[in-house]
């Protein structure tokens, strides 16, 4: 496997992140609103605040990454020929 192919696959994978993470816009909005509401004035965000909202966002991101891995593996199976050994 050449270094060029690795970078090409990585670049293609990175291009798909915005589309995958856009699926988490609702969770991101809820988490952002929680953080904004929690940190009004001089109040600092501390561990535990917005934990439920953060976990929902984290779960969404994790699922988006899993589906991205699936998409990439499907793409590779269809478009990359195995090297002859």
N, C-alpha and C. Protein backbone atom coordinates (compact mmCIF):
# COMPACT_ATOMS: atom_id res chain seq x y z
N UNK A 1 0.85 -1.17 0.00
CA UNK A 1 0.00 0.00 0.00
C UNK A 1 0.90 1.23 0.00
N UNK A 2 0.69 2.09 -0.95
CA UNK A 2 1.55 3.26 -1.04
C UNK A 2 1.02 4.38 -0.16
N UNK A 3 1.91 5.27 0.21
CA UNK A 3 1.54 6.40 1.04
C UNK A 3 0.54 7.31 0.36
N UNK A 4 0.65 7.45 -0.96
CA UNK A 4 -0.27 8.30 -1.71
C UNK A 4 -1.70 7.80 -1.58
N UNK A 5 -1.89 6.49 -1.69
CA UNK A 5 -3.24 5.93 -1.56
C UNK A 5 -3.82 6.16 -0.18
N UNK A 6 -2.99 6.05 0.83
CA UNK A 6 -3.45 6.28 2.21
C UNK A 6 -3.94 7.72 2.36
N UNK A 7 -3.18 8.67 1.85
CA UNK A 7 -3.57 10.08 1.97
C UNK A 7 -4.81 10.38 1.13
N UNK A 8 -4.91 9.75 -0.01
CA UNK A 8 -6.08 9.95 -0.86
C UNK A 8 -7.34 9.44 -0.16
N UNK A 9 -7.26 8.25 0.43
CA UNK A 9 -8.42 7.70 1.15
C UNK A 9 -8.76 8.56 2.37
N UNK A 10 -7.73 9.02 3.06
CA UNK A 10 -7.96 9.86 4.23
C UNK A 10 -8.63 11.17 3.82
N UNK A 11 -8.16 11.76 2.75
CA UNK A 11 -8.74 13.02 2.26
C UNK A 11 -10.21 12.80 1.87
N UNK A 12 -10.49 11.71 1.17
CA UNK A 12 -11.87 11.42 0.78
C UNK A 12 -12.75 11.20 2.00
N UNK A 13 -12.22 10.54 3.01
CA UNK A 13 -12.98 10.29 4.24
C UNK A 13 -13.27 11.61 4.96
N UNK A 14 -12.28 12.49 5.02
CA UNK A 14 -12.47 13.78 5.69
C UNK A 14 -13.51 14.64 4.98
N UNK A 15 -13.60 14.52 3.67
CA UNK A 15 -14.59 15.28 2.92
C UNK A 15 -16.01 14.87 3.29
N UNK A 16 -16.19 13.66 3.76
CA UNK A 16 -17.52 13.18 4.10
C UNK A 16 -17.95 13.52 5.53
N UNK A 17 -17.02 13.97 6.37
CA UNK A 17 -17.37 14.28 7.76
C UNK A 17 -18.48 15.32 7.88
N UNK A 18 -18.42 16.44 7.16
CA UNK A 18 -19.51 17.42 7.34
C UNK A 18 -20.89 16.85 7.04
N UNK A 19 -20.98 16.03 6.01
CA UNK A 19 -22.28 15.43 5.68
C UNK A 19 -22.74 14.49 6.79
N UNK A 20 -21.83 13.70 7.31
CA UNK A 20 -22.19 12.75 8.36
C UNK A 20 -22.56 13.48 9.65
N UNK A 21 -21.75 14.47 10.04
CA UNK A 21 -22.01 15.16 11.29
C UNK A 21 -23.21 16.10 11.20
N UNK A 22 -23.62 16.46 9.99
CA UNK A 22 -24.82 17.29 9.83
C UNK A 22 -26.05 16.56 10.36
N UNK A 23 -25.97 15.24 10.40
CA UNK A 23 -27.07 14.45 10.95
C UNK A 23 -27.26 14.73 12.44
N UNK A 24 -26.26 15.31 13.07
CA UNK A 24 -26.30 15.56 14.52
C UNK A 24 -26.63 17.01 14.84
N UNK A 25 -27.20 17.73 13.91
CA UNK A 25 -27.45 19.16 14.13
C UNK A 25 -28.44 19.40 15.27
N UNK A 26 -29.43 18.55 15.40
CA UNK A 26 -30.41 18.74 16.47
C UNK A 26 -29.76 18.54 17.84
N UNK A 27 -28.94 17.49 17.97
CA UNK A 27 -28.25 17.22 19.23
C UNK A 27 -27.25 18.34 19.55
N UNK A 28 -26.57 18.82 18.51
CA UNK A 28 -25.60 19.91 18.71
C UNK A 28 -26.30 21.18 19.17
N UNK A 29 -27.47 21.46 18.62
CA UNK A 29 -28.23 22.65 19.01
C UNK A 29 -28.69 22.55 20.47
N UNK A 30 -29.17 21.39 20.86
CA UNK A 30 -29.63 21.19 22.24
C UNK A 30 -28.46 21.36 23.21
N UNK A 31 -27.32 20.76 22.87
CA UNK A 31 -26.13 20.88 23.73
C UNK A 31 -25.66 22.34 23.80
N UNK A 32 -25.63 23.00 22.65
CA UNK A 32 -25.22 24.41 22.62
C UNK A 32 -26.12 25.30 23.45
N UNK A 33 -27.42 25.06 23.38
CA UNK A 33 -28.37 25.84 24.18
C UNK A 33 -28.16 25.59 25.66
N UNK A 34 -27.88 24.35 26.02
CA UNK A 34 -27.63 24.03 27.43
C UNK A 34 -26.38 24.75 27.92
N UNK A 35 -25.32 24.70 27.14
CA UNK A 35 -24.07 25.36 27.52
C UNK A 35 -24.29 26.87 27.64
N UNK A 36 -24.98 27.44 26.67
CA UNK A 36 -25.24 28.88 26.70
C UNK A 36 -26.07 29.27 27.92
N UNK A 37 -27.08 28.47 28.24
CA UNK A 37 -27.94 28.76 29.39
C UNK A 37 -27.19 28.58 30.71
N UNK A 38 -26.28 27.62 30.73
CA UNK A 38 -25.54 27.32 31.95
C UNK A 38 -24.47 28.36 32.23
N UNK A 39 -23.96 28.98 31.19
CA UNK A 39 -22.82 29.90 31.36
C UNK A 39 -23.22 31.36 31.21
N UNK A 40 -24.45 31.69 31.53
CA UNK A 40 -24.86 33.09 31.47
C UNK A 40 -24.12 33.88 32.53
N UNK A 41 -23.84 35.12 32.24
CA UNK A 41 -23.09 35.95 33.18
C UNK A 41 -21.66 35.47 33.30
N UNK A 42 -21.21 35.33 34.54
CA UNK A 42 -19.82 34.90 34.79
C UNK A 42 -19.73 33.45 35.22
N UNK A 43 -20.83 32.76 35.16
CA UNK A 43 -20.87 31.36 35.58
C UNK A 43 -20.06 30.51 34.60
N UNK A 44 -19.26 29.58 35.15
CA UNK A 44 -18.45 28.70 34.32
C UNK A 44 -19.13 27.35 34.15
N UNK A 45 -18.87 26.75 33.01
CA UNK A 45 -19.37 25.41 32.76
C UNK A 45 -18.49 24.43 33.52
N UNK A 46 -19.10 23.59 34.31
CA UNK A 46 -18.33 22.61 35.07
C UNK A 46 -18.75 21.21 34.67
N UNK A 47 -17.93 20.25 35.04
CA UNK A 47 -18.22 18.86 34.70
C UNK A 47 -19.57 18.47 35.30
N UNK A 48 -20.37 17.82 34.50
CA UNK A 48 -21.68 17.40 34.95
C UNK A 48 -22.81 18.25 34.40
N UNK A 49 -22.52 19.54 34.18
CA UNK A 49 -23.53 20.37 33.55
C UNK A 49 -23.69 19.90 32.11
N UNK A 50 -24.89 19.79 31.67
CA UNK A 50 -25.21 19.39 30.28
C UNK A 50 -24.68 18.00 29.93
N UNK A 51 -24.49 17.15 30.92
CA UNK A 51 -23.96 15.81 30.67
C UNK A 51 -24.90 14.98 29.80
N UNK A 52 -26.19 15.08 30.06
CA UNK A 52 -27.17 14.32 29.29
C UNK A 52 -27.14 14.77 27.82
N UNK A 53 -27.08 16.08 27.60
CA UNK A 53 -27.05 16.63 26.25
C UNK A 53 -25.74 16.26 25.54
N UNK A 54 -24.64 16.30 26.29
CA UNK A 54 -23.35 15.93 25.71
C UNK A 54 -23.33 14.46 25.30
N UNK A 55 -23.87 13.59 26.14
CA UNK A 55 -23.90 12.17 25.82
C UNK A 55 -24.72 11.90 24.56
N UNK A 56 -25.83 12.63 24.41
CA UNK A 56 -26.65 12.46 23.21
C UNK A 56 -25.86 12.89 21.96
N UNK A 57 -25.13 13.99 22.07
CA UNK A 57 -24.31 14.46 20.95
C UNK A 57 -23.18 13.49 20.65
N UNK A 58 -22.54 13.01 21.69
CA UNK A 58 -21.44 12.05 21.53
C UNK A 58 -21.94 10.76 20.86
N UNK A 59 -23.09 10.29 21.28
CA UNK A 59 -23.67 9.09 20.68
C UNK A 59 -23.97 9.31 19.20
N UNK A 60 -24.51 10.47 18.89
CA UNK A 60 -24.80 10.79 17.50
C UNK A 60 -23.52 10.82 16.67
N UNK A 61 -22.48 11.50 17.17
CA UNK A 61 -21.20 11.54 16.46
C UNK A 61 -20.61 10.14 16.28
N UNK A 62 -20.70 9.32 17.31
CA UNK A 62 -20.18 7.95 17.23
C UNK A 62 -20.92 7.16 16.15
N UNK A 63 -22.23 7.30 16.12
CA UNK A 63 -23.02 6.60 15.10
C UNK A 63 -22.72 7.14 13.71
N UNK A 64 -22.48 8.43 13.60
CA UNK A 64 -22.13 9.02 12.31
C UNK A 64 -20.79 8.46 11.82
N UNK A 65 -19.85 8.31 12.73
CA UNK A 65 -18.55 7.75 12.36
C UNK A 65 -18.69 6.29 11.94
N UNK A 66 -19.53 5.55 12.63
CA UNK A 66 -19.75 4.15 12.26
C UNK A 66 -20.34 4.05 10.87
N UNK A 67 -21.30 4.91 10.57
CA UNK A 67 -21.90 4.86 9.23
C UNK A 67 -20.90 5.32 8.18
N UNK A 68 -20.00 6.24 8.54
CA UNK A 68 -18.96 6.67 7.62
C UNK A 68 -18.00 5.52 7.34
N UNK A 69 -17.64 4.75 8.36
CA UNK A 69 -16.80 3.57 8.16
C UNK A 69 -17.49 2.58 7.22
N UNK A 70 -18.79 2.40 7.40
CA UNK A 70 -19.55 1.49 6.54
C UNK A 70 -19.53 1.99 5.10
N UNK A 71 -19.77 3.29 4.92
CA UNK A 71 -19.77 3.87 3.58
C UNK A 71 -18.40 3.70 2.93
N UNK A 72 -17.34 3.95 3.69
CA UNK A 72 -16.00 3.82 3.13
C UNK A 72 -15.68 2.38 2.78
N UNK A 73 -16.09 1.43 3.62
CA UNK A 73 -15.80 0.03 3.32
C UNK A 73 -16.57 -0.41 2.08
N UNK A 74 -17.82 0.05 1.94
CA UNK A 74 -18.60 -0.26 0.75
C UNK A 74 -17.93 0.33 -0.49
N UNK A 75 -17.47 1.56 -0.38
CA UNK A 75 -16.80 2.22 -1.51
C UNK A 75 -15.54 1.45 -1.90
N UNK A 76 -14.75 1.08 -0.92
CA UNK A 76 -13.51 0.37 -1.21
C UNK A 76 -13.78 -0.98 -1.86
N UNK A 77 -14.81 -1.67 -1.39
CA UNK A 77 -15.14 -2.97 -1.97
C UNK A 77 -15.55 -2.82 -3.43
N UNK A 78 -16.23 -1.74 -3.76
CA UNK A 78 -16.71 -1.55 -5.12
C UNK A 78 -15.66 -0.97 -6.07
N UNK A 79 -14.75 -0.14 -5.54
CA UNK A 79 -13.87 0.62 -6.41
C UNK A 79 -12.39 0.28 -6.33
N UNK A 80 -11.99 -0.43 -5.34
CA UNK A 80 -10.56 -0.73 -5.20
C UNK A 80 -10.34 -2.20 -5.48
N UNK A 81 -9.53 -2.46 -6.47
CA UNK A 81 -9.23 -3.84 -6.82
C UNK A 81 -8.15 -4.38 -5.89
N UNK A 82 -8.29 -5.62 -5.42
CA UNK A 82 -7.27 -6.19 -4.55
C UNK A 82 -5.97 -6.35 -5.32
N UNK A 83 -4.88 -6.12 -4.61
CA UNK A 83 -3.57 -6.28 -5.25
C UNK A 83 -3.28 -7.75 -5.46
N UNK A 84 -2.71 -8.06 -6.59
CA UNK A 84 -2.40 -9.46 -6.85
C UNK A 84 -1.12 -9.83 -6.14
N UNK A 85 -1.16 -10.90 -5.38
CA UNK A 85 -0.06 -11.28 -4.52
C UNK A 85 0.79 -12.25 -5.15
